[in-house]
Amino acid sequence: MNLGTDFAARPVLSGALLSGRELLLESLARRLRTRKGALFYDPTYGSYLPDCLGESYQDGGAAVAAICELDLEEDPRVFEARVRVTALGLEGVALEARLVTEDGPIDLILSAEQAGGLIKLEIQEGAPYGLE
């Protein structure tokens, strides 16, 4: 499956081209760090994850995991997403995810934190624990 080609946007728009898994990871990170409704030209794009950061997690993070699963599955290249919260804090959350794509499964490690009103989100390929 061709996962697409696009310009790299992080850390700055450099003009470098990304493709394959690298592009998919950047696209997913962009979706998760963008507040749902923040783009006037596409109000359905984004995630509710930024709104969850800094909240109390009464359910052990189950709502955060469910939100991330739904948001990751909004990308047409992701057929299924399973997410597990591995750490919760007042300003951030750590997650493990398994995505199913046409190319097969992709395991991710994600961390998101709120710092001065900005969302810092890191996403990388890794071997999650406990997701089968």
C-alpha atoms as a PDB file:
ATOM      1  CA  MET A   1       0.000   0.000   0.000  1.00  0.00           C
ATOM      2  CA  ASN A   2       1.200   3.469  -0.779  1.00  0.00           C
ATOM      3  CA  LEU A   3       0.863   5.503   2.409  1.00  0.00           C
ATOM      4  CA  GLY A   4       1.312   8.732   0.447  1.00  0.00           C
ATOM      5  CA  THR A   5       3.877  11.481   0.061  1.00  0.00           C
ATOM      6  CA  ASP A   6       3.755  14.964   1.588  1.00  0.00           C
ATOM      7  CA  PHE A   7       5.970  17.751   2.893  1.00  0.00           C
ATOM      8  CA  ALA A   8       7.465  17.409   6.369  1.00  0.00           C
ATOM      9  CA  ALA A   9       5.841  19.897   8.734  1.00  0.00           C
ATOM     10  CA  ARG A  10       7.857  19.206  11.886  1.00  0.00           C
ATOM     11  CA  PRO A  11       9.913  20.692  13.347  1.00  0.00           C
ATOM     12  CA  VAL A  12       9.451  23.328  10.634  1.00  0.00           C
ATOM     13  CA  LEU A  13       8.125  23.223   7.094  1.00  0.00           C
ATOM     14  CA  SER A  14      11.435  22.369   5.457  1.00  0.00           C
ATOM     15  CA  GLY A  15      10.377  21.300   1.989  1.00  0.00           C
ATOM     16  CA  ALA A  16      11.601  17.763   2.668  1.00  0.00           C
ATOM     17  CA  LEU A  17       9.317  15.025   1.416  1.00  0.00           C
ATOM     18  CA  LEU A  18       8.047  12.252   3.651  1.00  0.00           C
ATOM     19  CA  SER A  19       6.454   9.027   2.552  1.00  0.00           C
ATOM     20  CA  GLY A  20       5.463   5.608   3.874  1.00  0.00           C
ATOM     21  CA  ARG A  21       5.342   4.971   7.595  1.00  0.00           C
ATOM     22  CA  GLU A  22       7.219   8.174   8.381  1.00  0.00           C
ATOM     23  CA  LEU A  23       4.459  10.195   6.715  1.00  0.00           C
ATOM     24  CA  LEU A  24       1.744   8.168   8.440  1.00  0.00           C
ATOM     25  CA  LEU A  25       3.292   8.825  11.870  1.00  0.00           C
ATOM     26  CA  GLU A  26       3.562  12.553  11.203  1.00  0.00           C
ATOM     27  CA  SER A  27      -0.012  12.694   9.914  1.00  0.00           C
ATOM     28  CA  LEU A  28      -1.336  10.873  12.966  1.00  0.00           C
ATOM     29  CA  ALA A  29       0.622  13.109  15.339  1.00  0.00           C
ATOM     30  CA  ARG A  30      -0.752  16.191  13.565  1.00  0.00           C
ATOM     31  CA  ARG A  31      -4.316  14.877  13.888  1.00  0.00           C
ATOM     32  CA  LEU A  32      -3.928  14.075  17.605  1.00  0.00           C
ATOM     33  CA  ARG A  33      -2.374  17.422  18.516  1.00  0.00           C
ATOM     34  CA  THR A  34      -4.984  19.460  16.609  1.00  0.00           C
ATOM     35  CA  ARG A  35      -8.128  20.259  18.585  1.00  0.00           C
ATOM     36  CA  LYS A  36     -11.274  18.926  16.914  1.00  0.00           C
ATOM     37  CA  GLY A  37     -12.966  21.881  15.190  1.00  0.00           C
ATOM     38  CA  ALA A  38      -9.841  24.075  15.132  1.00  0.00           C
ATOM     39  CA  LEU A  39      -9.611  24.120  11.324  1.00  0.00           C
ATOM     40  CA  PHE A  40     -12.288  26.350   9.793  1.00  0.00           C
ATOM     41  CA  TYR A  41     -12.015  24.526   6.473  1.00  0.00           C
ATOM     42  CA  ASP A  42     -12.409  21.049   8.042  1.00  0.00           C
ATOM     43  CA  PRO A  43     -14.224  21.195  11.394  1.00  0.00           C
ATOM     44  CA  THR A  44     -14.289  17.386  11.723  1.00  0.00           C
ATOM     45  CA  TYR A  45     -10.473  17.086  11.572  1.00  0.00           C
ATOM     46  CA  GLY A  46      -8.494  16.731  14.778  1.00  0.00           C
ATOM     47  CA  SER A  47      -8.857  15.108  18.161  1.00  0.00           C
ATOM     48  CA  TYR A  48     -10.416  15.613  21.560  1.00  0.00           C
ATOM     49  CA  LEU A  49      -7.132  14.469  23.131  1.00  0.00           C
ATOM     50  CA  PRO A  50      -5.898  18.061  23.724  1.00  0.00           C
ATOM     51  CA  ASP A  51      -9.066  18.730  25.728  1.00  0.00           C
ATOM     52  CA  CYS A  52      -8.389  15.689  27.930  1.00  0.00           C
ATOM     53  CA  LEU A  53      -4.898  16.701  29.000  1.00  0.00           C
ATOM     54  CA  GLY A  54      -4.812  18.141  32.495  1.00  0.00           C
ATOM     55  CA  GLU A  55      -8.210  16.712  33.409  1.00  0.00           C
ATOM     56  CA  SER A  56      -8.817  14.225  36.189  1.00  0.00           C
ATOM     57  CA  TYR A  57      -8.876  10.671  34.929  1.00  0.00           C
ATOM     58  CA  GLN A  58     -11.625   9.037  36.965  1.00  0.00           C
ATOM     59  CA  ASP A  59     -11.717   5.982  34.703  1.00  0.00           C
ATOM     60  CA  GLY A  60      -8.010   5.195  34.666  1.00  0.00           C
ATOM     61  CA  GLY A  61      -7.643   6.701  31.207  1.00  0.00           C
ATOM     62  CA  ALA A  62     -10.202   4.497  29.436  1.00  0.00           C
ATOM     63  CA  ALA A  63     -11.894   7.558  27.899  1.00  0.00           C
ATOM     64  CA  VAL A  64      -8.551   8.873  26.645  1.00  0.00           C
ATOM     65  CA  ALA A  65      -7.777   5.516  25.023  1.00  0.00           C
ATOM     66  CA  ALA A  66     -11.227   5.395  23.393  1.00  0.00           C
ATOM     67  CA  ILE A  67     -10.879   8.947  22.066  1.00  0.00           C
ATOM     68  CA  CYS A  68      -7.474   8.152  20.574  1.00  0.00           C
ATOM     69  CA  GLU A  69      -8.745   4.953  18.967  1.00  0.00           C
ATOM     70  CA  LEU A  70     -11.596   6.810  17.260  1.00  0.00           C
ATOM     71  CA  ASP A  71      -9.352   9.662  16.159  1.00  0.00           C
ATOM     72  CA  LEU A  72      -6.639   7.387  14.773  1.00  0.00           C
ATOM     73  CA  GLU A  73      -9.259   5.436  12.833  1.00  0.00           C
ATOM     74  CA  GLU A  74     -10.357   8.681  11.155  1.00  0.00           C
ATOM     75  CA  ASP A  75      -7.236   8.387   8.996  1.00  0.00           C
ATOM     76  CA  PRO A  76      -8.255   6.324   5.947  1.00  0.00           C
ATOM     77  CA  ARG A  77      -4.946   4.418   6.051  1.00  0.00           C
ATOM     78  CA  VAL A  78      -5.786   3.031   9.508  1.00  0.00           C
ATOM     79  CA  PHE A  79      -8.343   0.219   9.459  1.00  0.00           C
ATOM     80  CA  GLU A  80      -8.308  -0.410  13.206  1.00  0.00           C
ATOM     81  CA  ALA A  81      -6.611   1.133  16.235  1.00  0.00           C
ATOM     82  CA  ARG A  82      -6.268  -0.284  19.738  1.00  0.00           C
ATOM     83  CA  VAL A  83      -4.858   2.003  22.409  1.00  0.00           C
ATOM     84  CA  ARG A  84      -3.788   1.402  25.988  1.00  0.00           C
ATOM     85  CA  VAL A  85      -2.860   4.097  28.511  1.00  0.00           C
ATOM     86  CA  THR A  86       0.450   3.336  30.217  1.00  0.00           C
ATOM     87  CA  ALA A  87       0.847   6.479  32.338  1.00  0.00           C
ATOM     88  CA  LEU A  88      -1.385   9.354  33.434  1.00  0.00           C
ATOM     89  CA  GLY A  89      -0.326  12.647  34.903  1.00  0.00           C
ATOM     90  CA  LEU A  90      -1.724  16.093  35.561  1.00  0.00           C
ATOM     91  CA  GLU A  91      -0.190  17.479  32.393  1.00  0.00           C
ATOM     92  CA  GLY A  92       0.200  14.468  30.163  1.00  0.00           C
ATOM     93  CA  VAL A  93      -0.456  10.920  29.160  1.00  0.00           C
ATOM     94  CA  ALA A  94       1.576   8.039  27.702  1.00  0.00           C
ATOM     95  CA  LEU A  95      -0.037   5.538  25.368  1.00  0.00           C
ATOM     96  CA  GLU A  96       0.727   2.399  23.403  1.00  0.00           C
ATOM     97  CA  ALA A  97      -1.168   1.660  20.209  1.00  0.00           C
ATOM     98  CA  ARG A  98      -1.480  -1.062  17.647  1.00  0.00           C
ATOM     99  CA  LEU A  99      -2.732   0.050  14.247  1.00  0.00           C
ATOM    100  CA  VAL A 100      -3.909  -2.236  11.488  1.00  0.00           C
ATOM    101  CA  THR A 101      -3.111  -0.962   8.009  1.00  0.00           C
ATOM    102  CA  GLU A 102      -3.117  -2.570   4.592  1.00  0.00           C
ATOM    103  CA  ASP A 103       0.596  -3.216   5.134  1.00  0.00           C
ATOM    104  CA  GLY A 104      -0.088  -5.013   8.408  1.00  0.00           C
ATOM    105  CA  PRO A 105       0.163  -3.985  12.050  1.00  0.00           C
ATOM    106  CA  ILE A 106       2.135  -0.975  13.243  1.00  0.00           C
ATOM    107  CA  ASP A 107       2.973  -0.636  16.939  1.00  0.00           C
ATOM    108  CA  LEU A 108       3.324   2.863  18.352  1.00  0.00           C
ATOM    109  CA  ILE A 109       4.392   4.575  21.545  1.00  0.00           C
ATOM    110  CA  LEU A 110       2.841   8.009  22.098  1.00  0.00           C
ATOM    111  CA  SER A 111       3.247  10.696  24.709  1.00  0.00           C
ATOM    112  CA  ALA A 112       1.245  13.892  24.946  1.00  0.00           C
ATOM    113  CA  GLU A 113       1.594  16.764  27.346  1.00  0.00           C
ATOM    114  CA  GLN A 114       0.281  20.256  27.693  1.00  0.00           C
ATOM    115  CA  ALA A 115       2.905  22.947  28.161  1.00  0.00           C
ATOM    116  CA  GLY A 116       1.932  26.593  28.282  1.00  0.00           C
ATOM    117  CA  GLY A 117      -1.245  26.043  26.298  1.00  0.00           C
ATOM    118  CA  LEU A 118       0.575  24.127  23.565  1.00  0.00           C
ATOM    119  CA  ILE A 119       0.314  20.404  22.960  1.00  0.00           C
ATOM    120  CA  LYS A 120       3.569  18.503  22.711  1.00  0.00           C
ATOM    121  CA  LEU A 121       2.966  15.105  21.162  1.00  0.00           C
ATOM    122  CA  GLU A 122       5.624  12.549  20.340  1.00  0.00           C
ATOM    123  CA  ILE A 123       4.903   9.421  18.365  1.00  0.00           C
ATOM    124  CA  GLN A 124       7.301   6.658  17.371  1.00  0.00           C
ATOM    125  CA  GLU A 125       7.249   3.069  16.277  1.00  0.00           C
ATOM    126  CA  GLY A 126       7.831   0.671  19.117  1.00  0.00           C
ATOM    127  CA  ALA A 127       6.820  -2.615  20.641  1.00  0.00           C
ATOM    128  CA  PRO A 128       3.830  -2.072  22.930  1.00  0.00           C
ATOM    129  CA  TYR A 129       3.330  -4.167  25.991  1.00  0.00           C
ATOM    130  CA  GLY A 130       0.102  -6.021  26.559  1.00  0.00           C
ATOM    131  CA  LEU A 131      -1.571  -5.371  23.202  1.00  0.00           C
ATOM    132  CA  GLU A 132      -2.258  -8.553  21.310  1.00  0.00           C
END
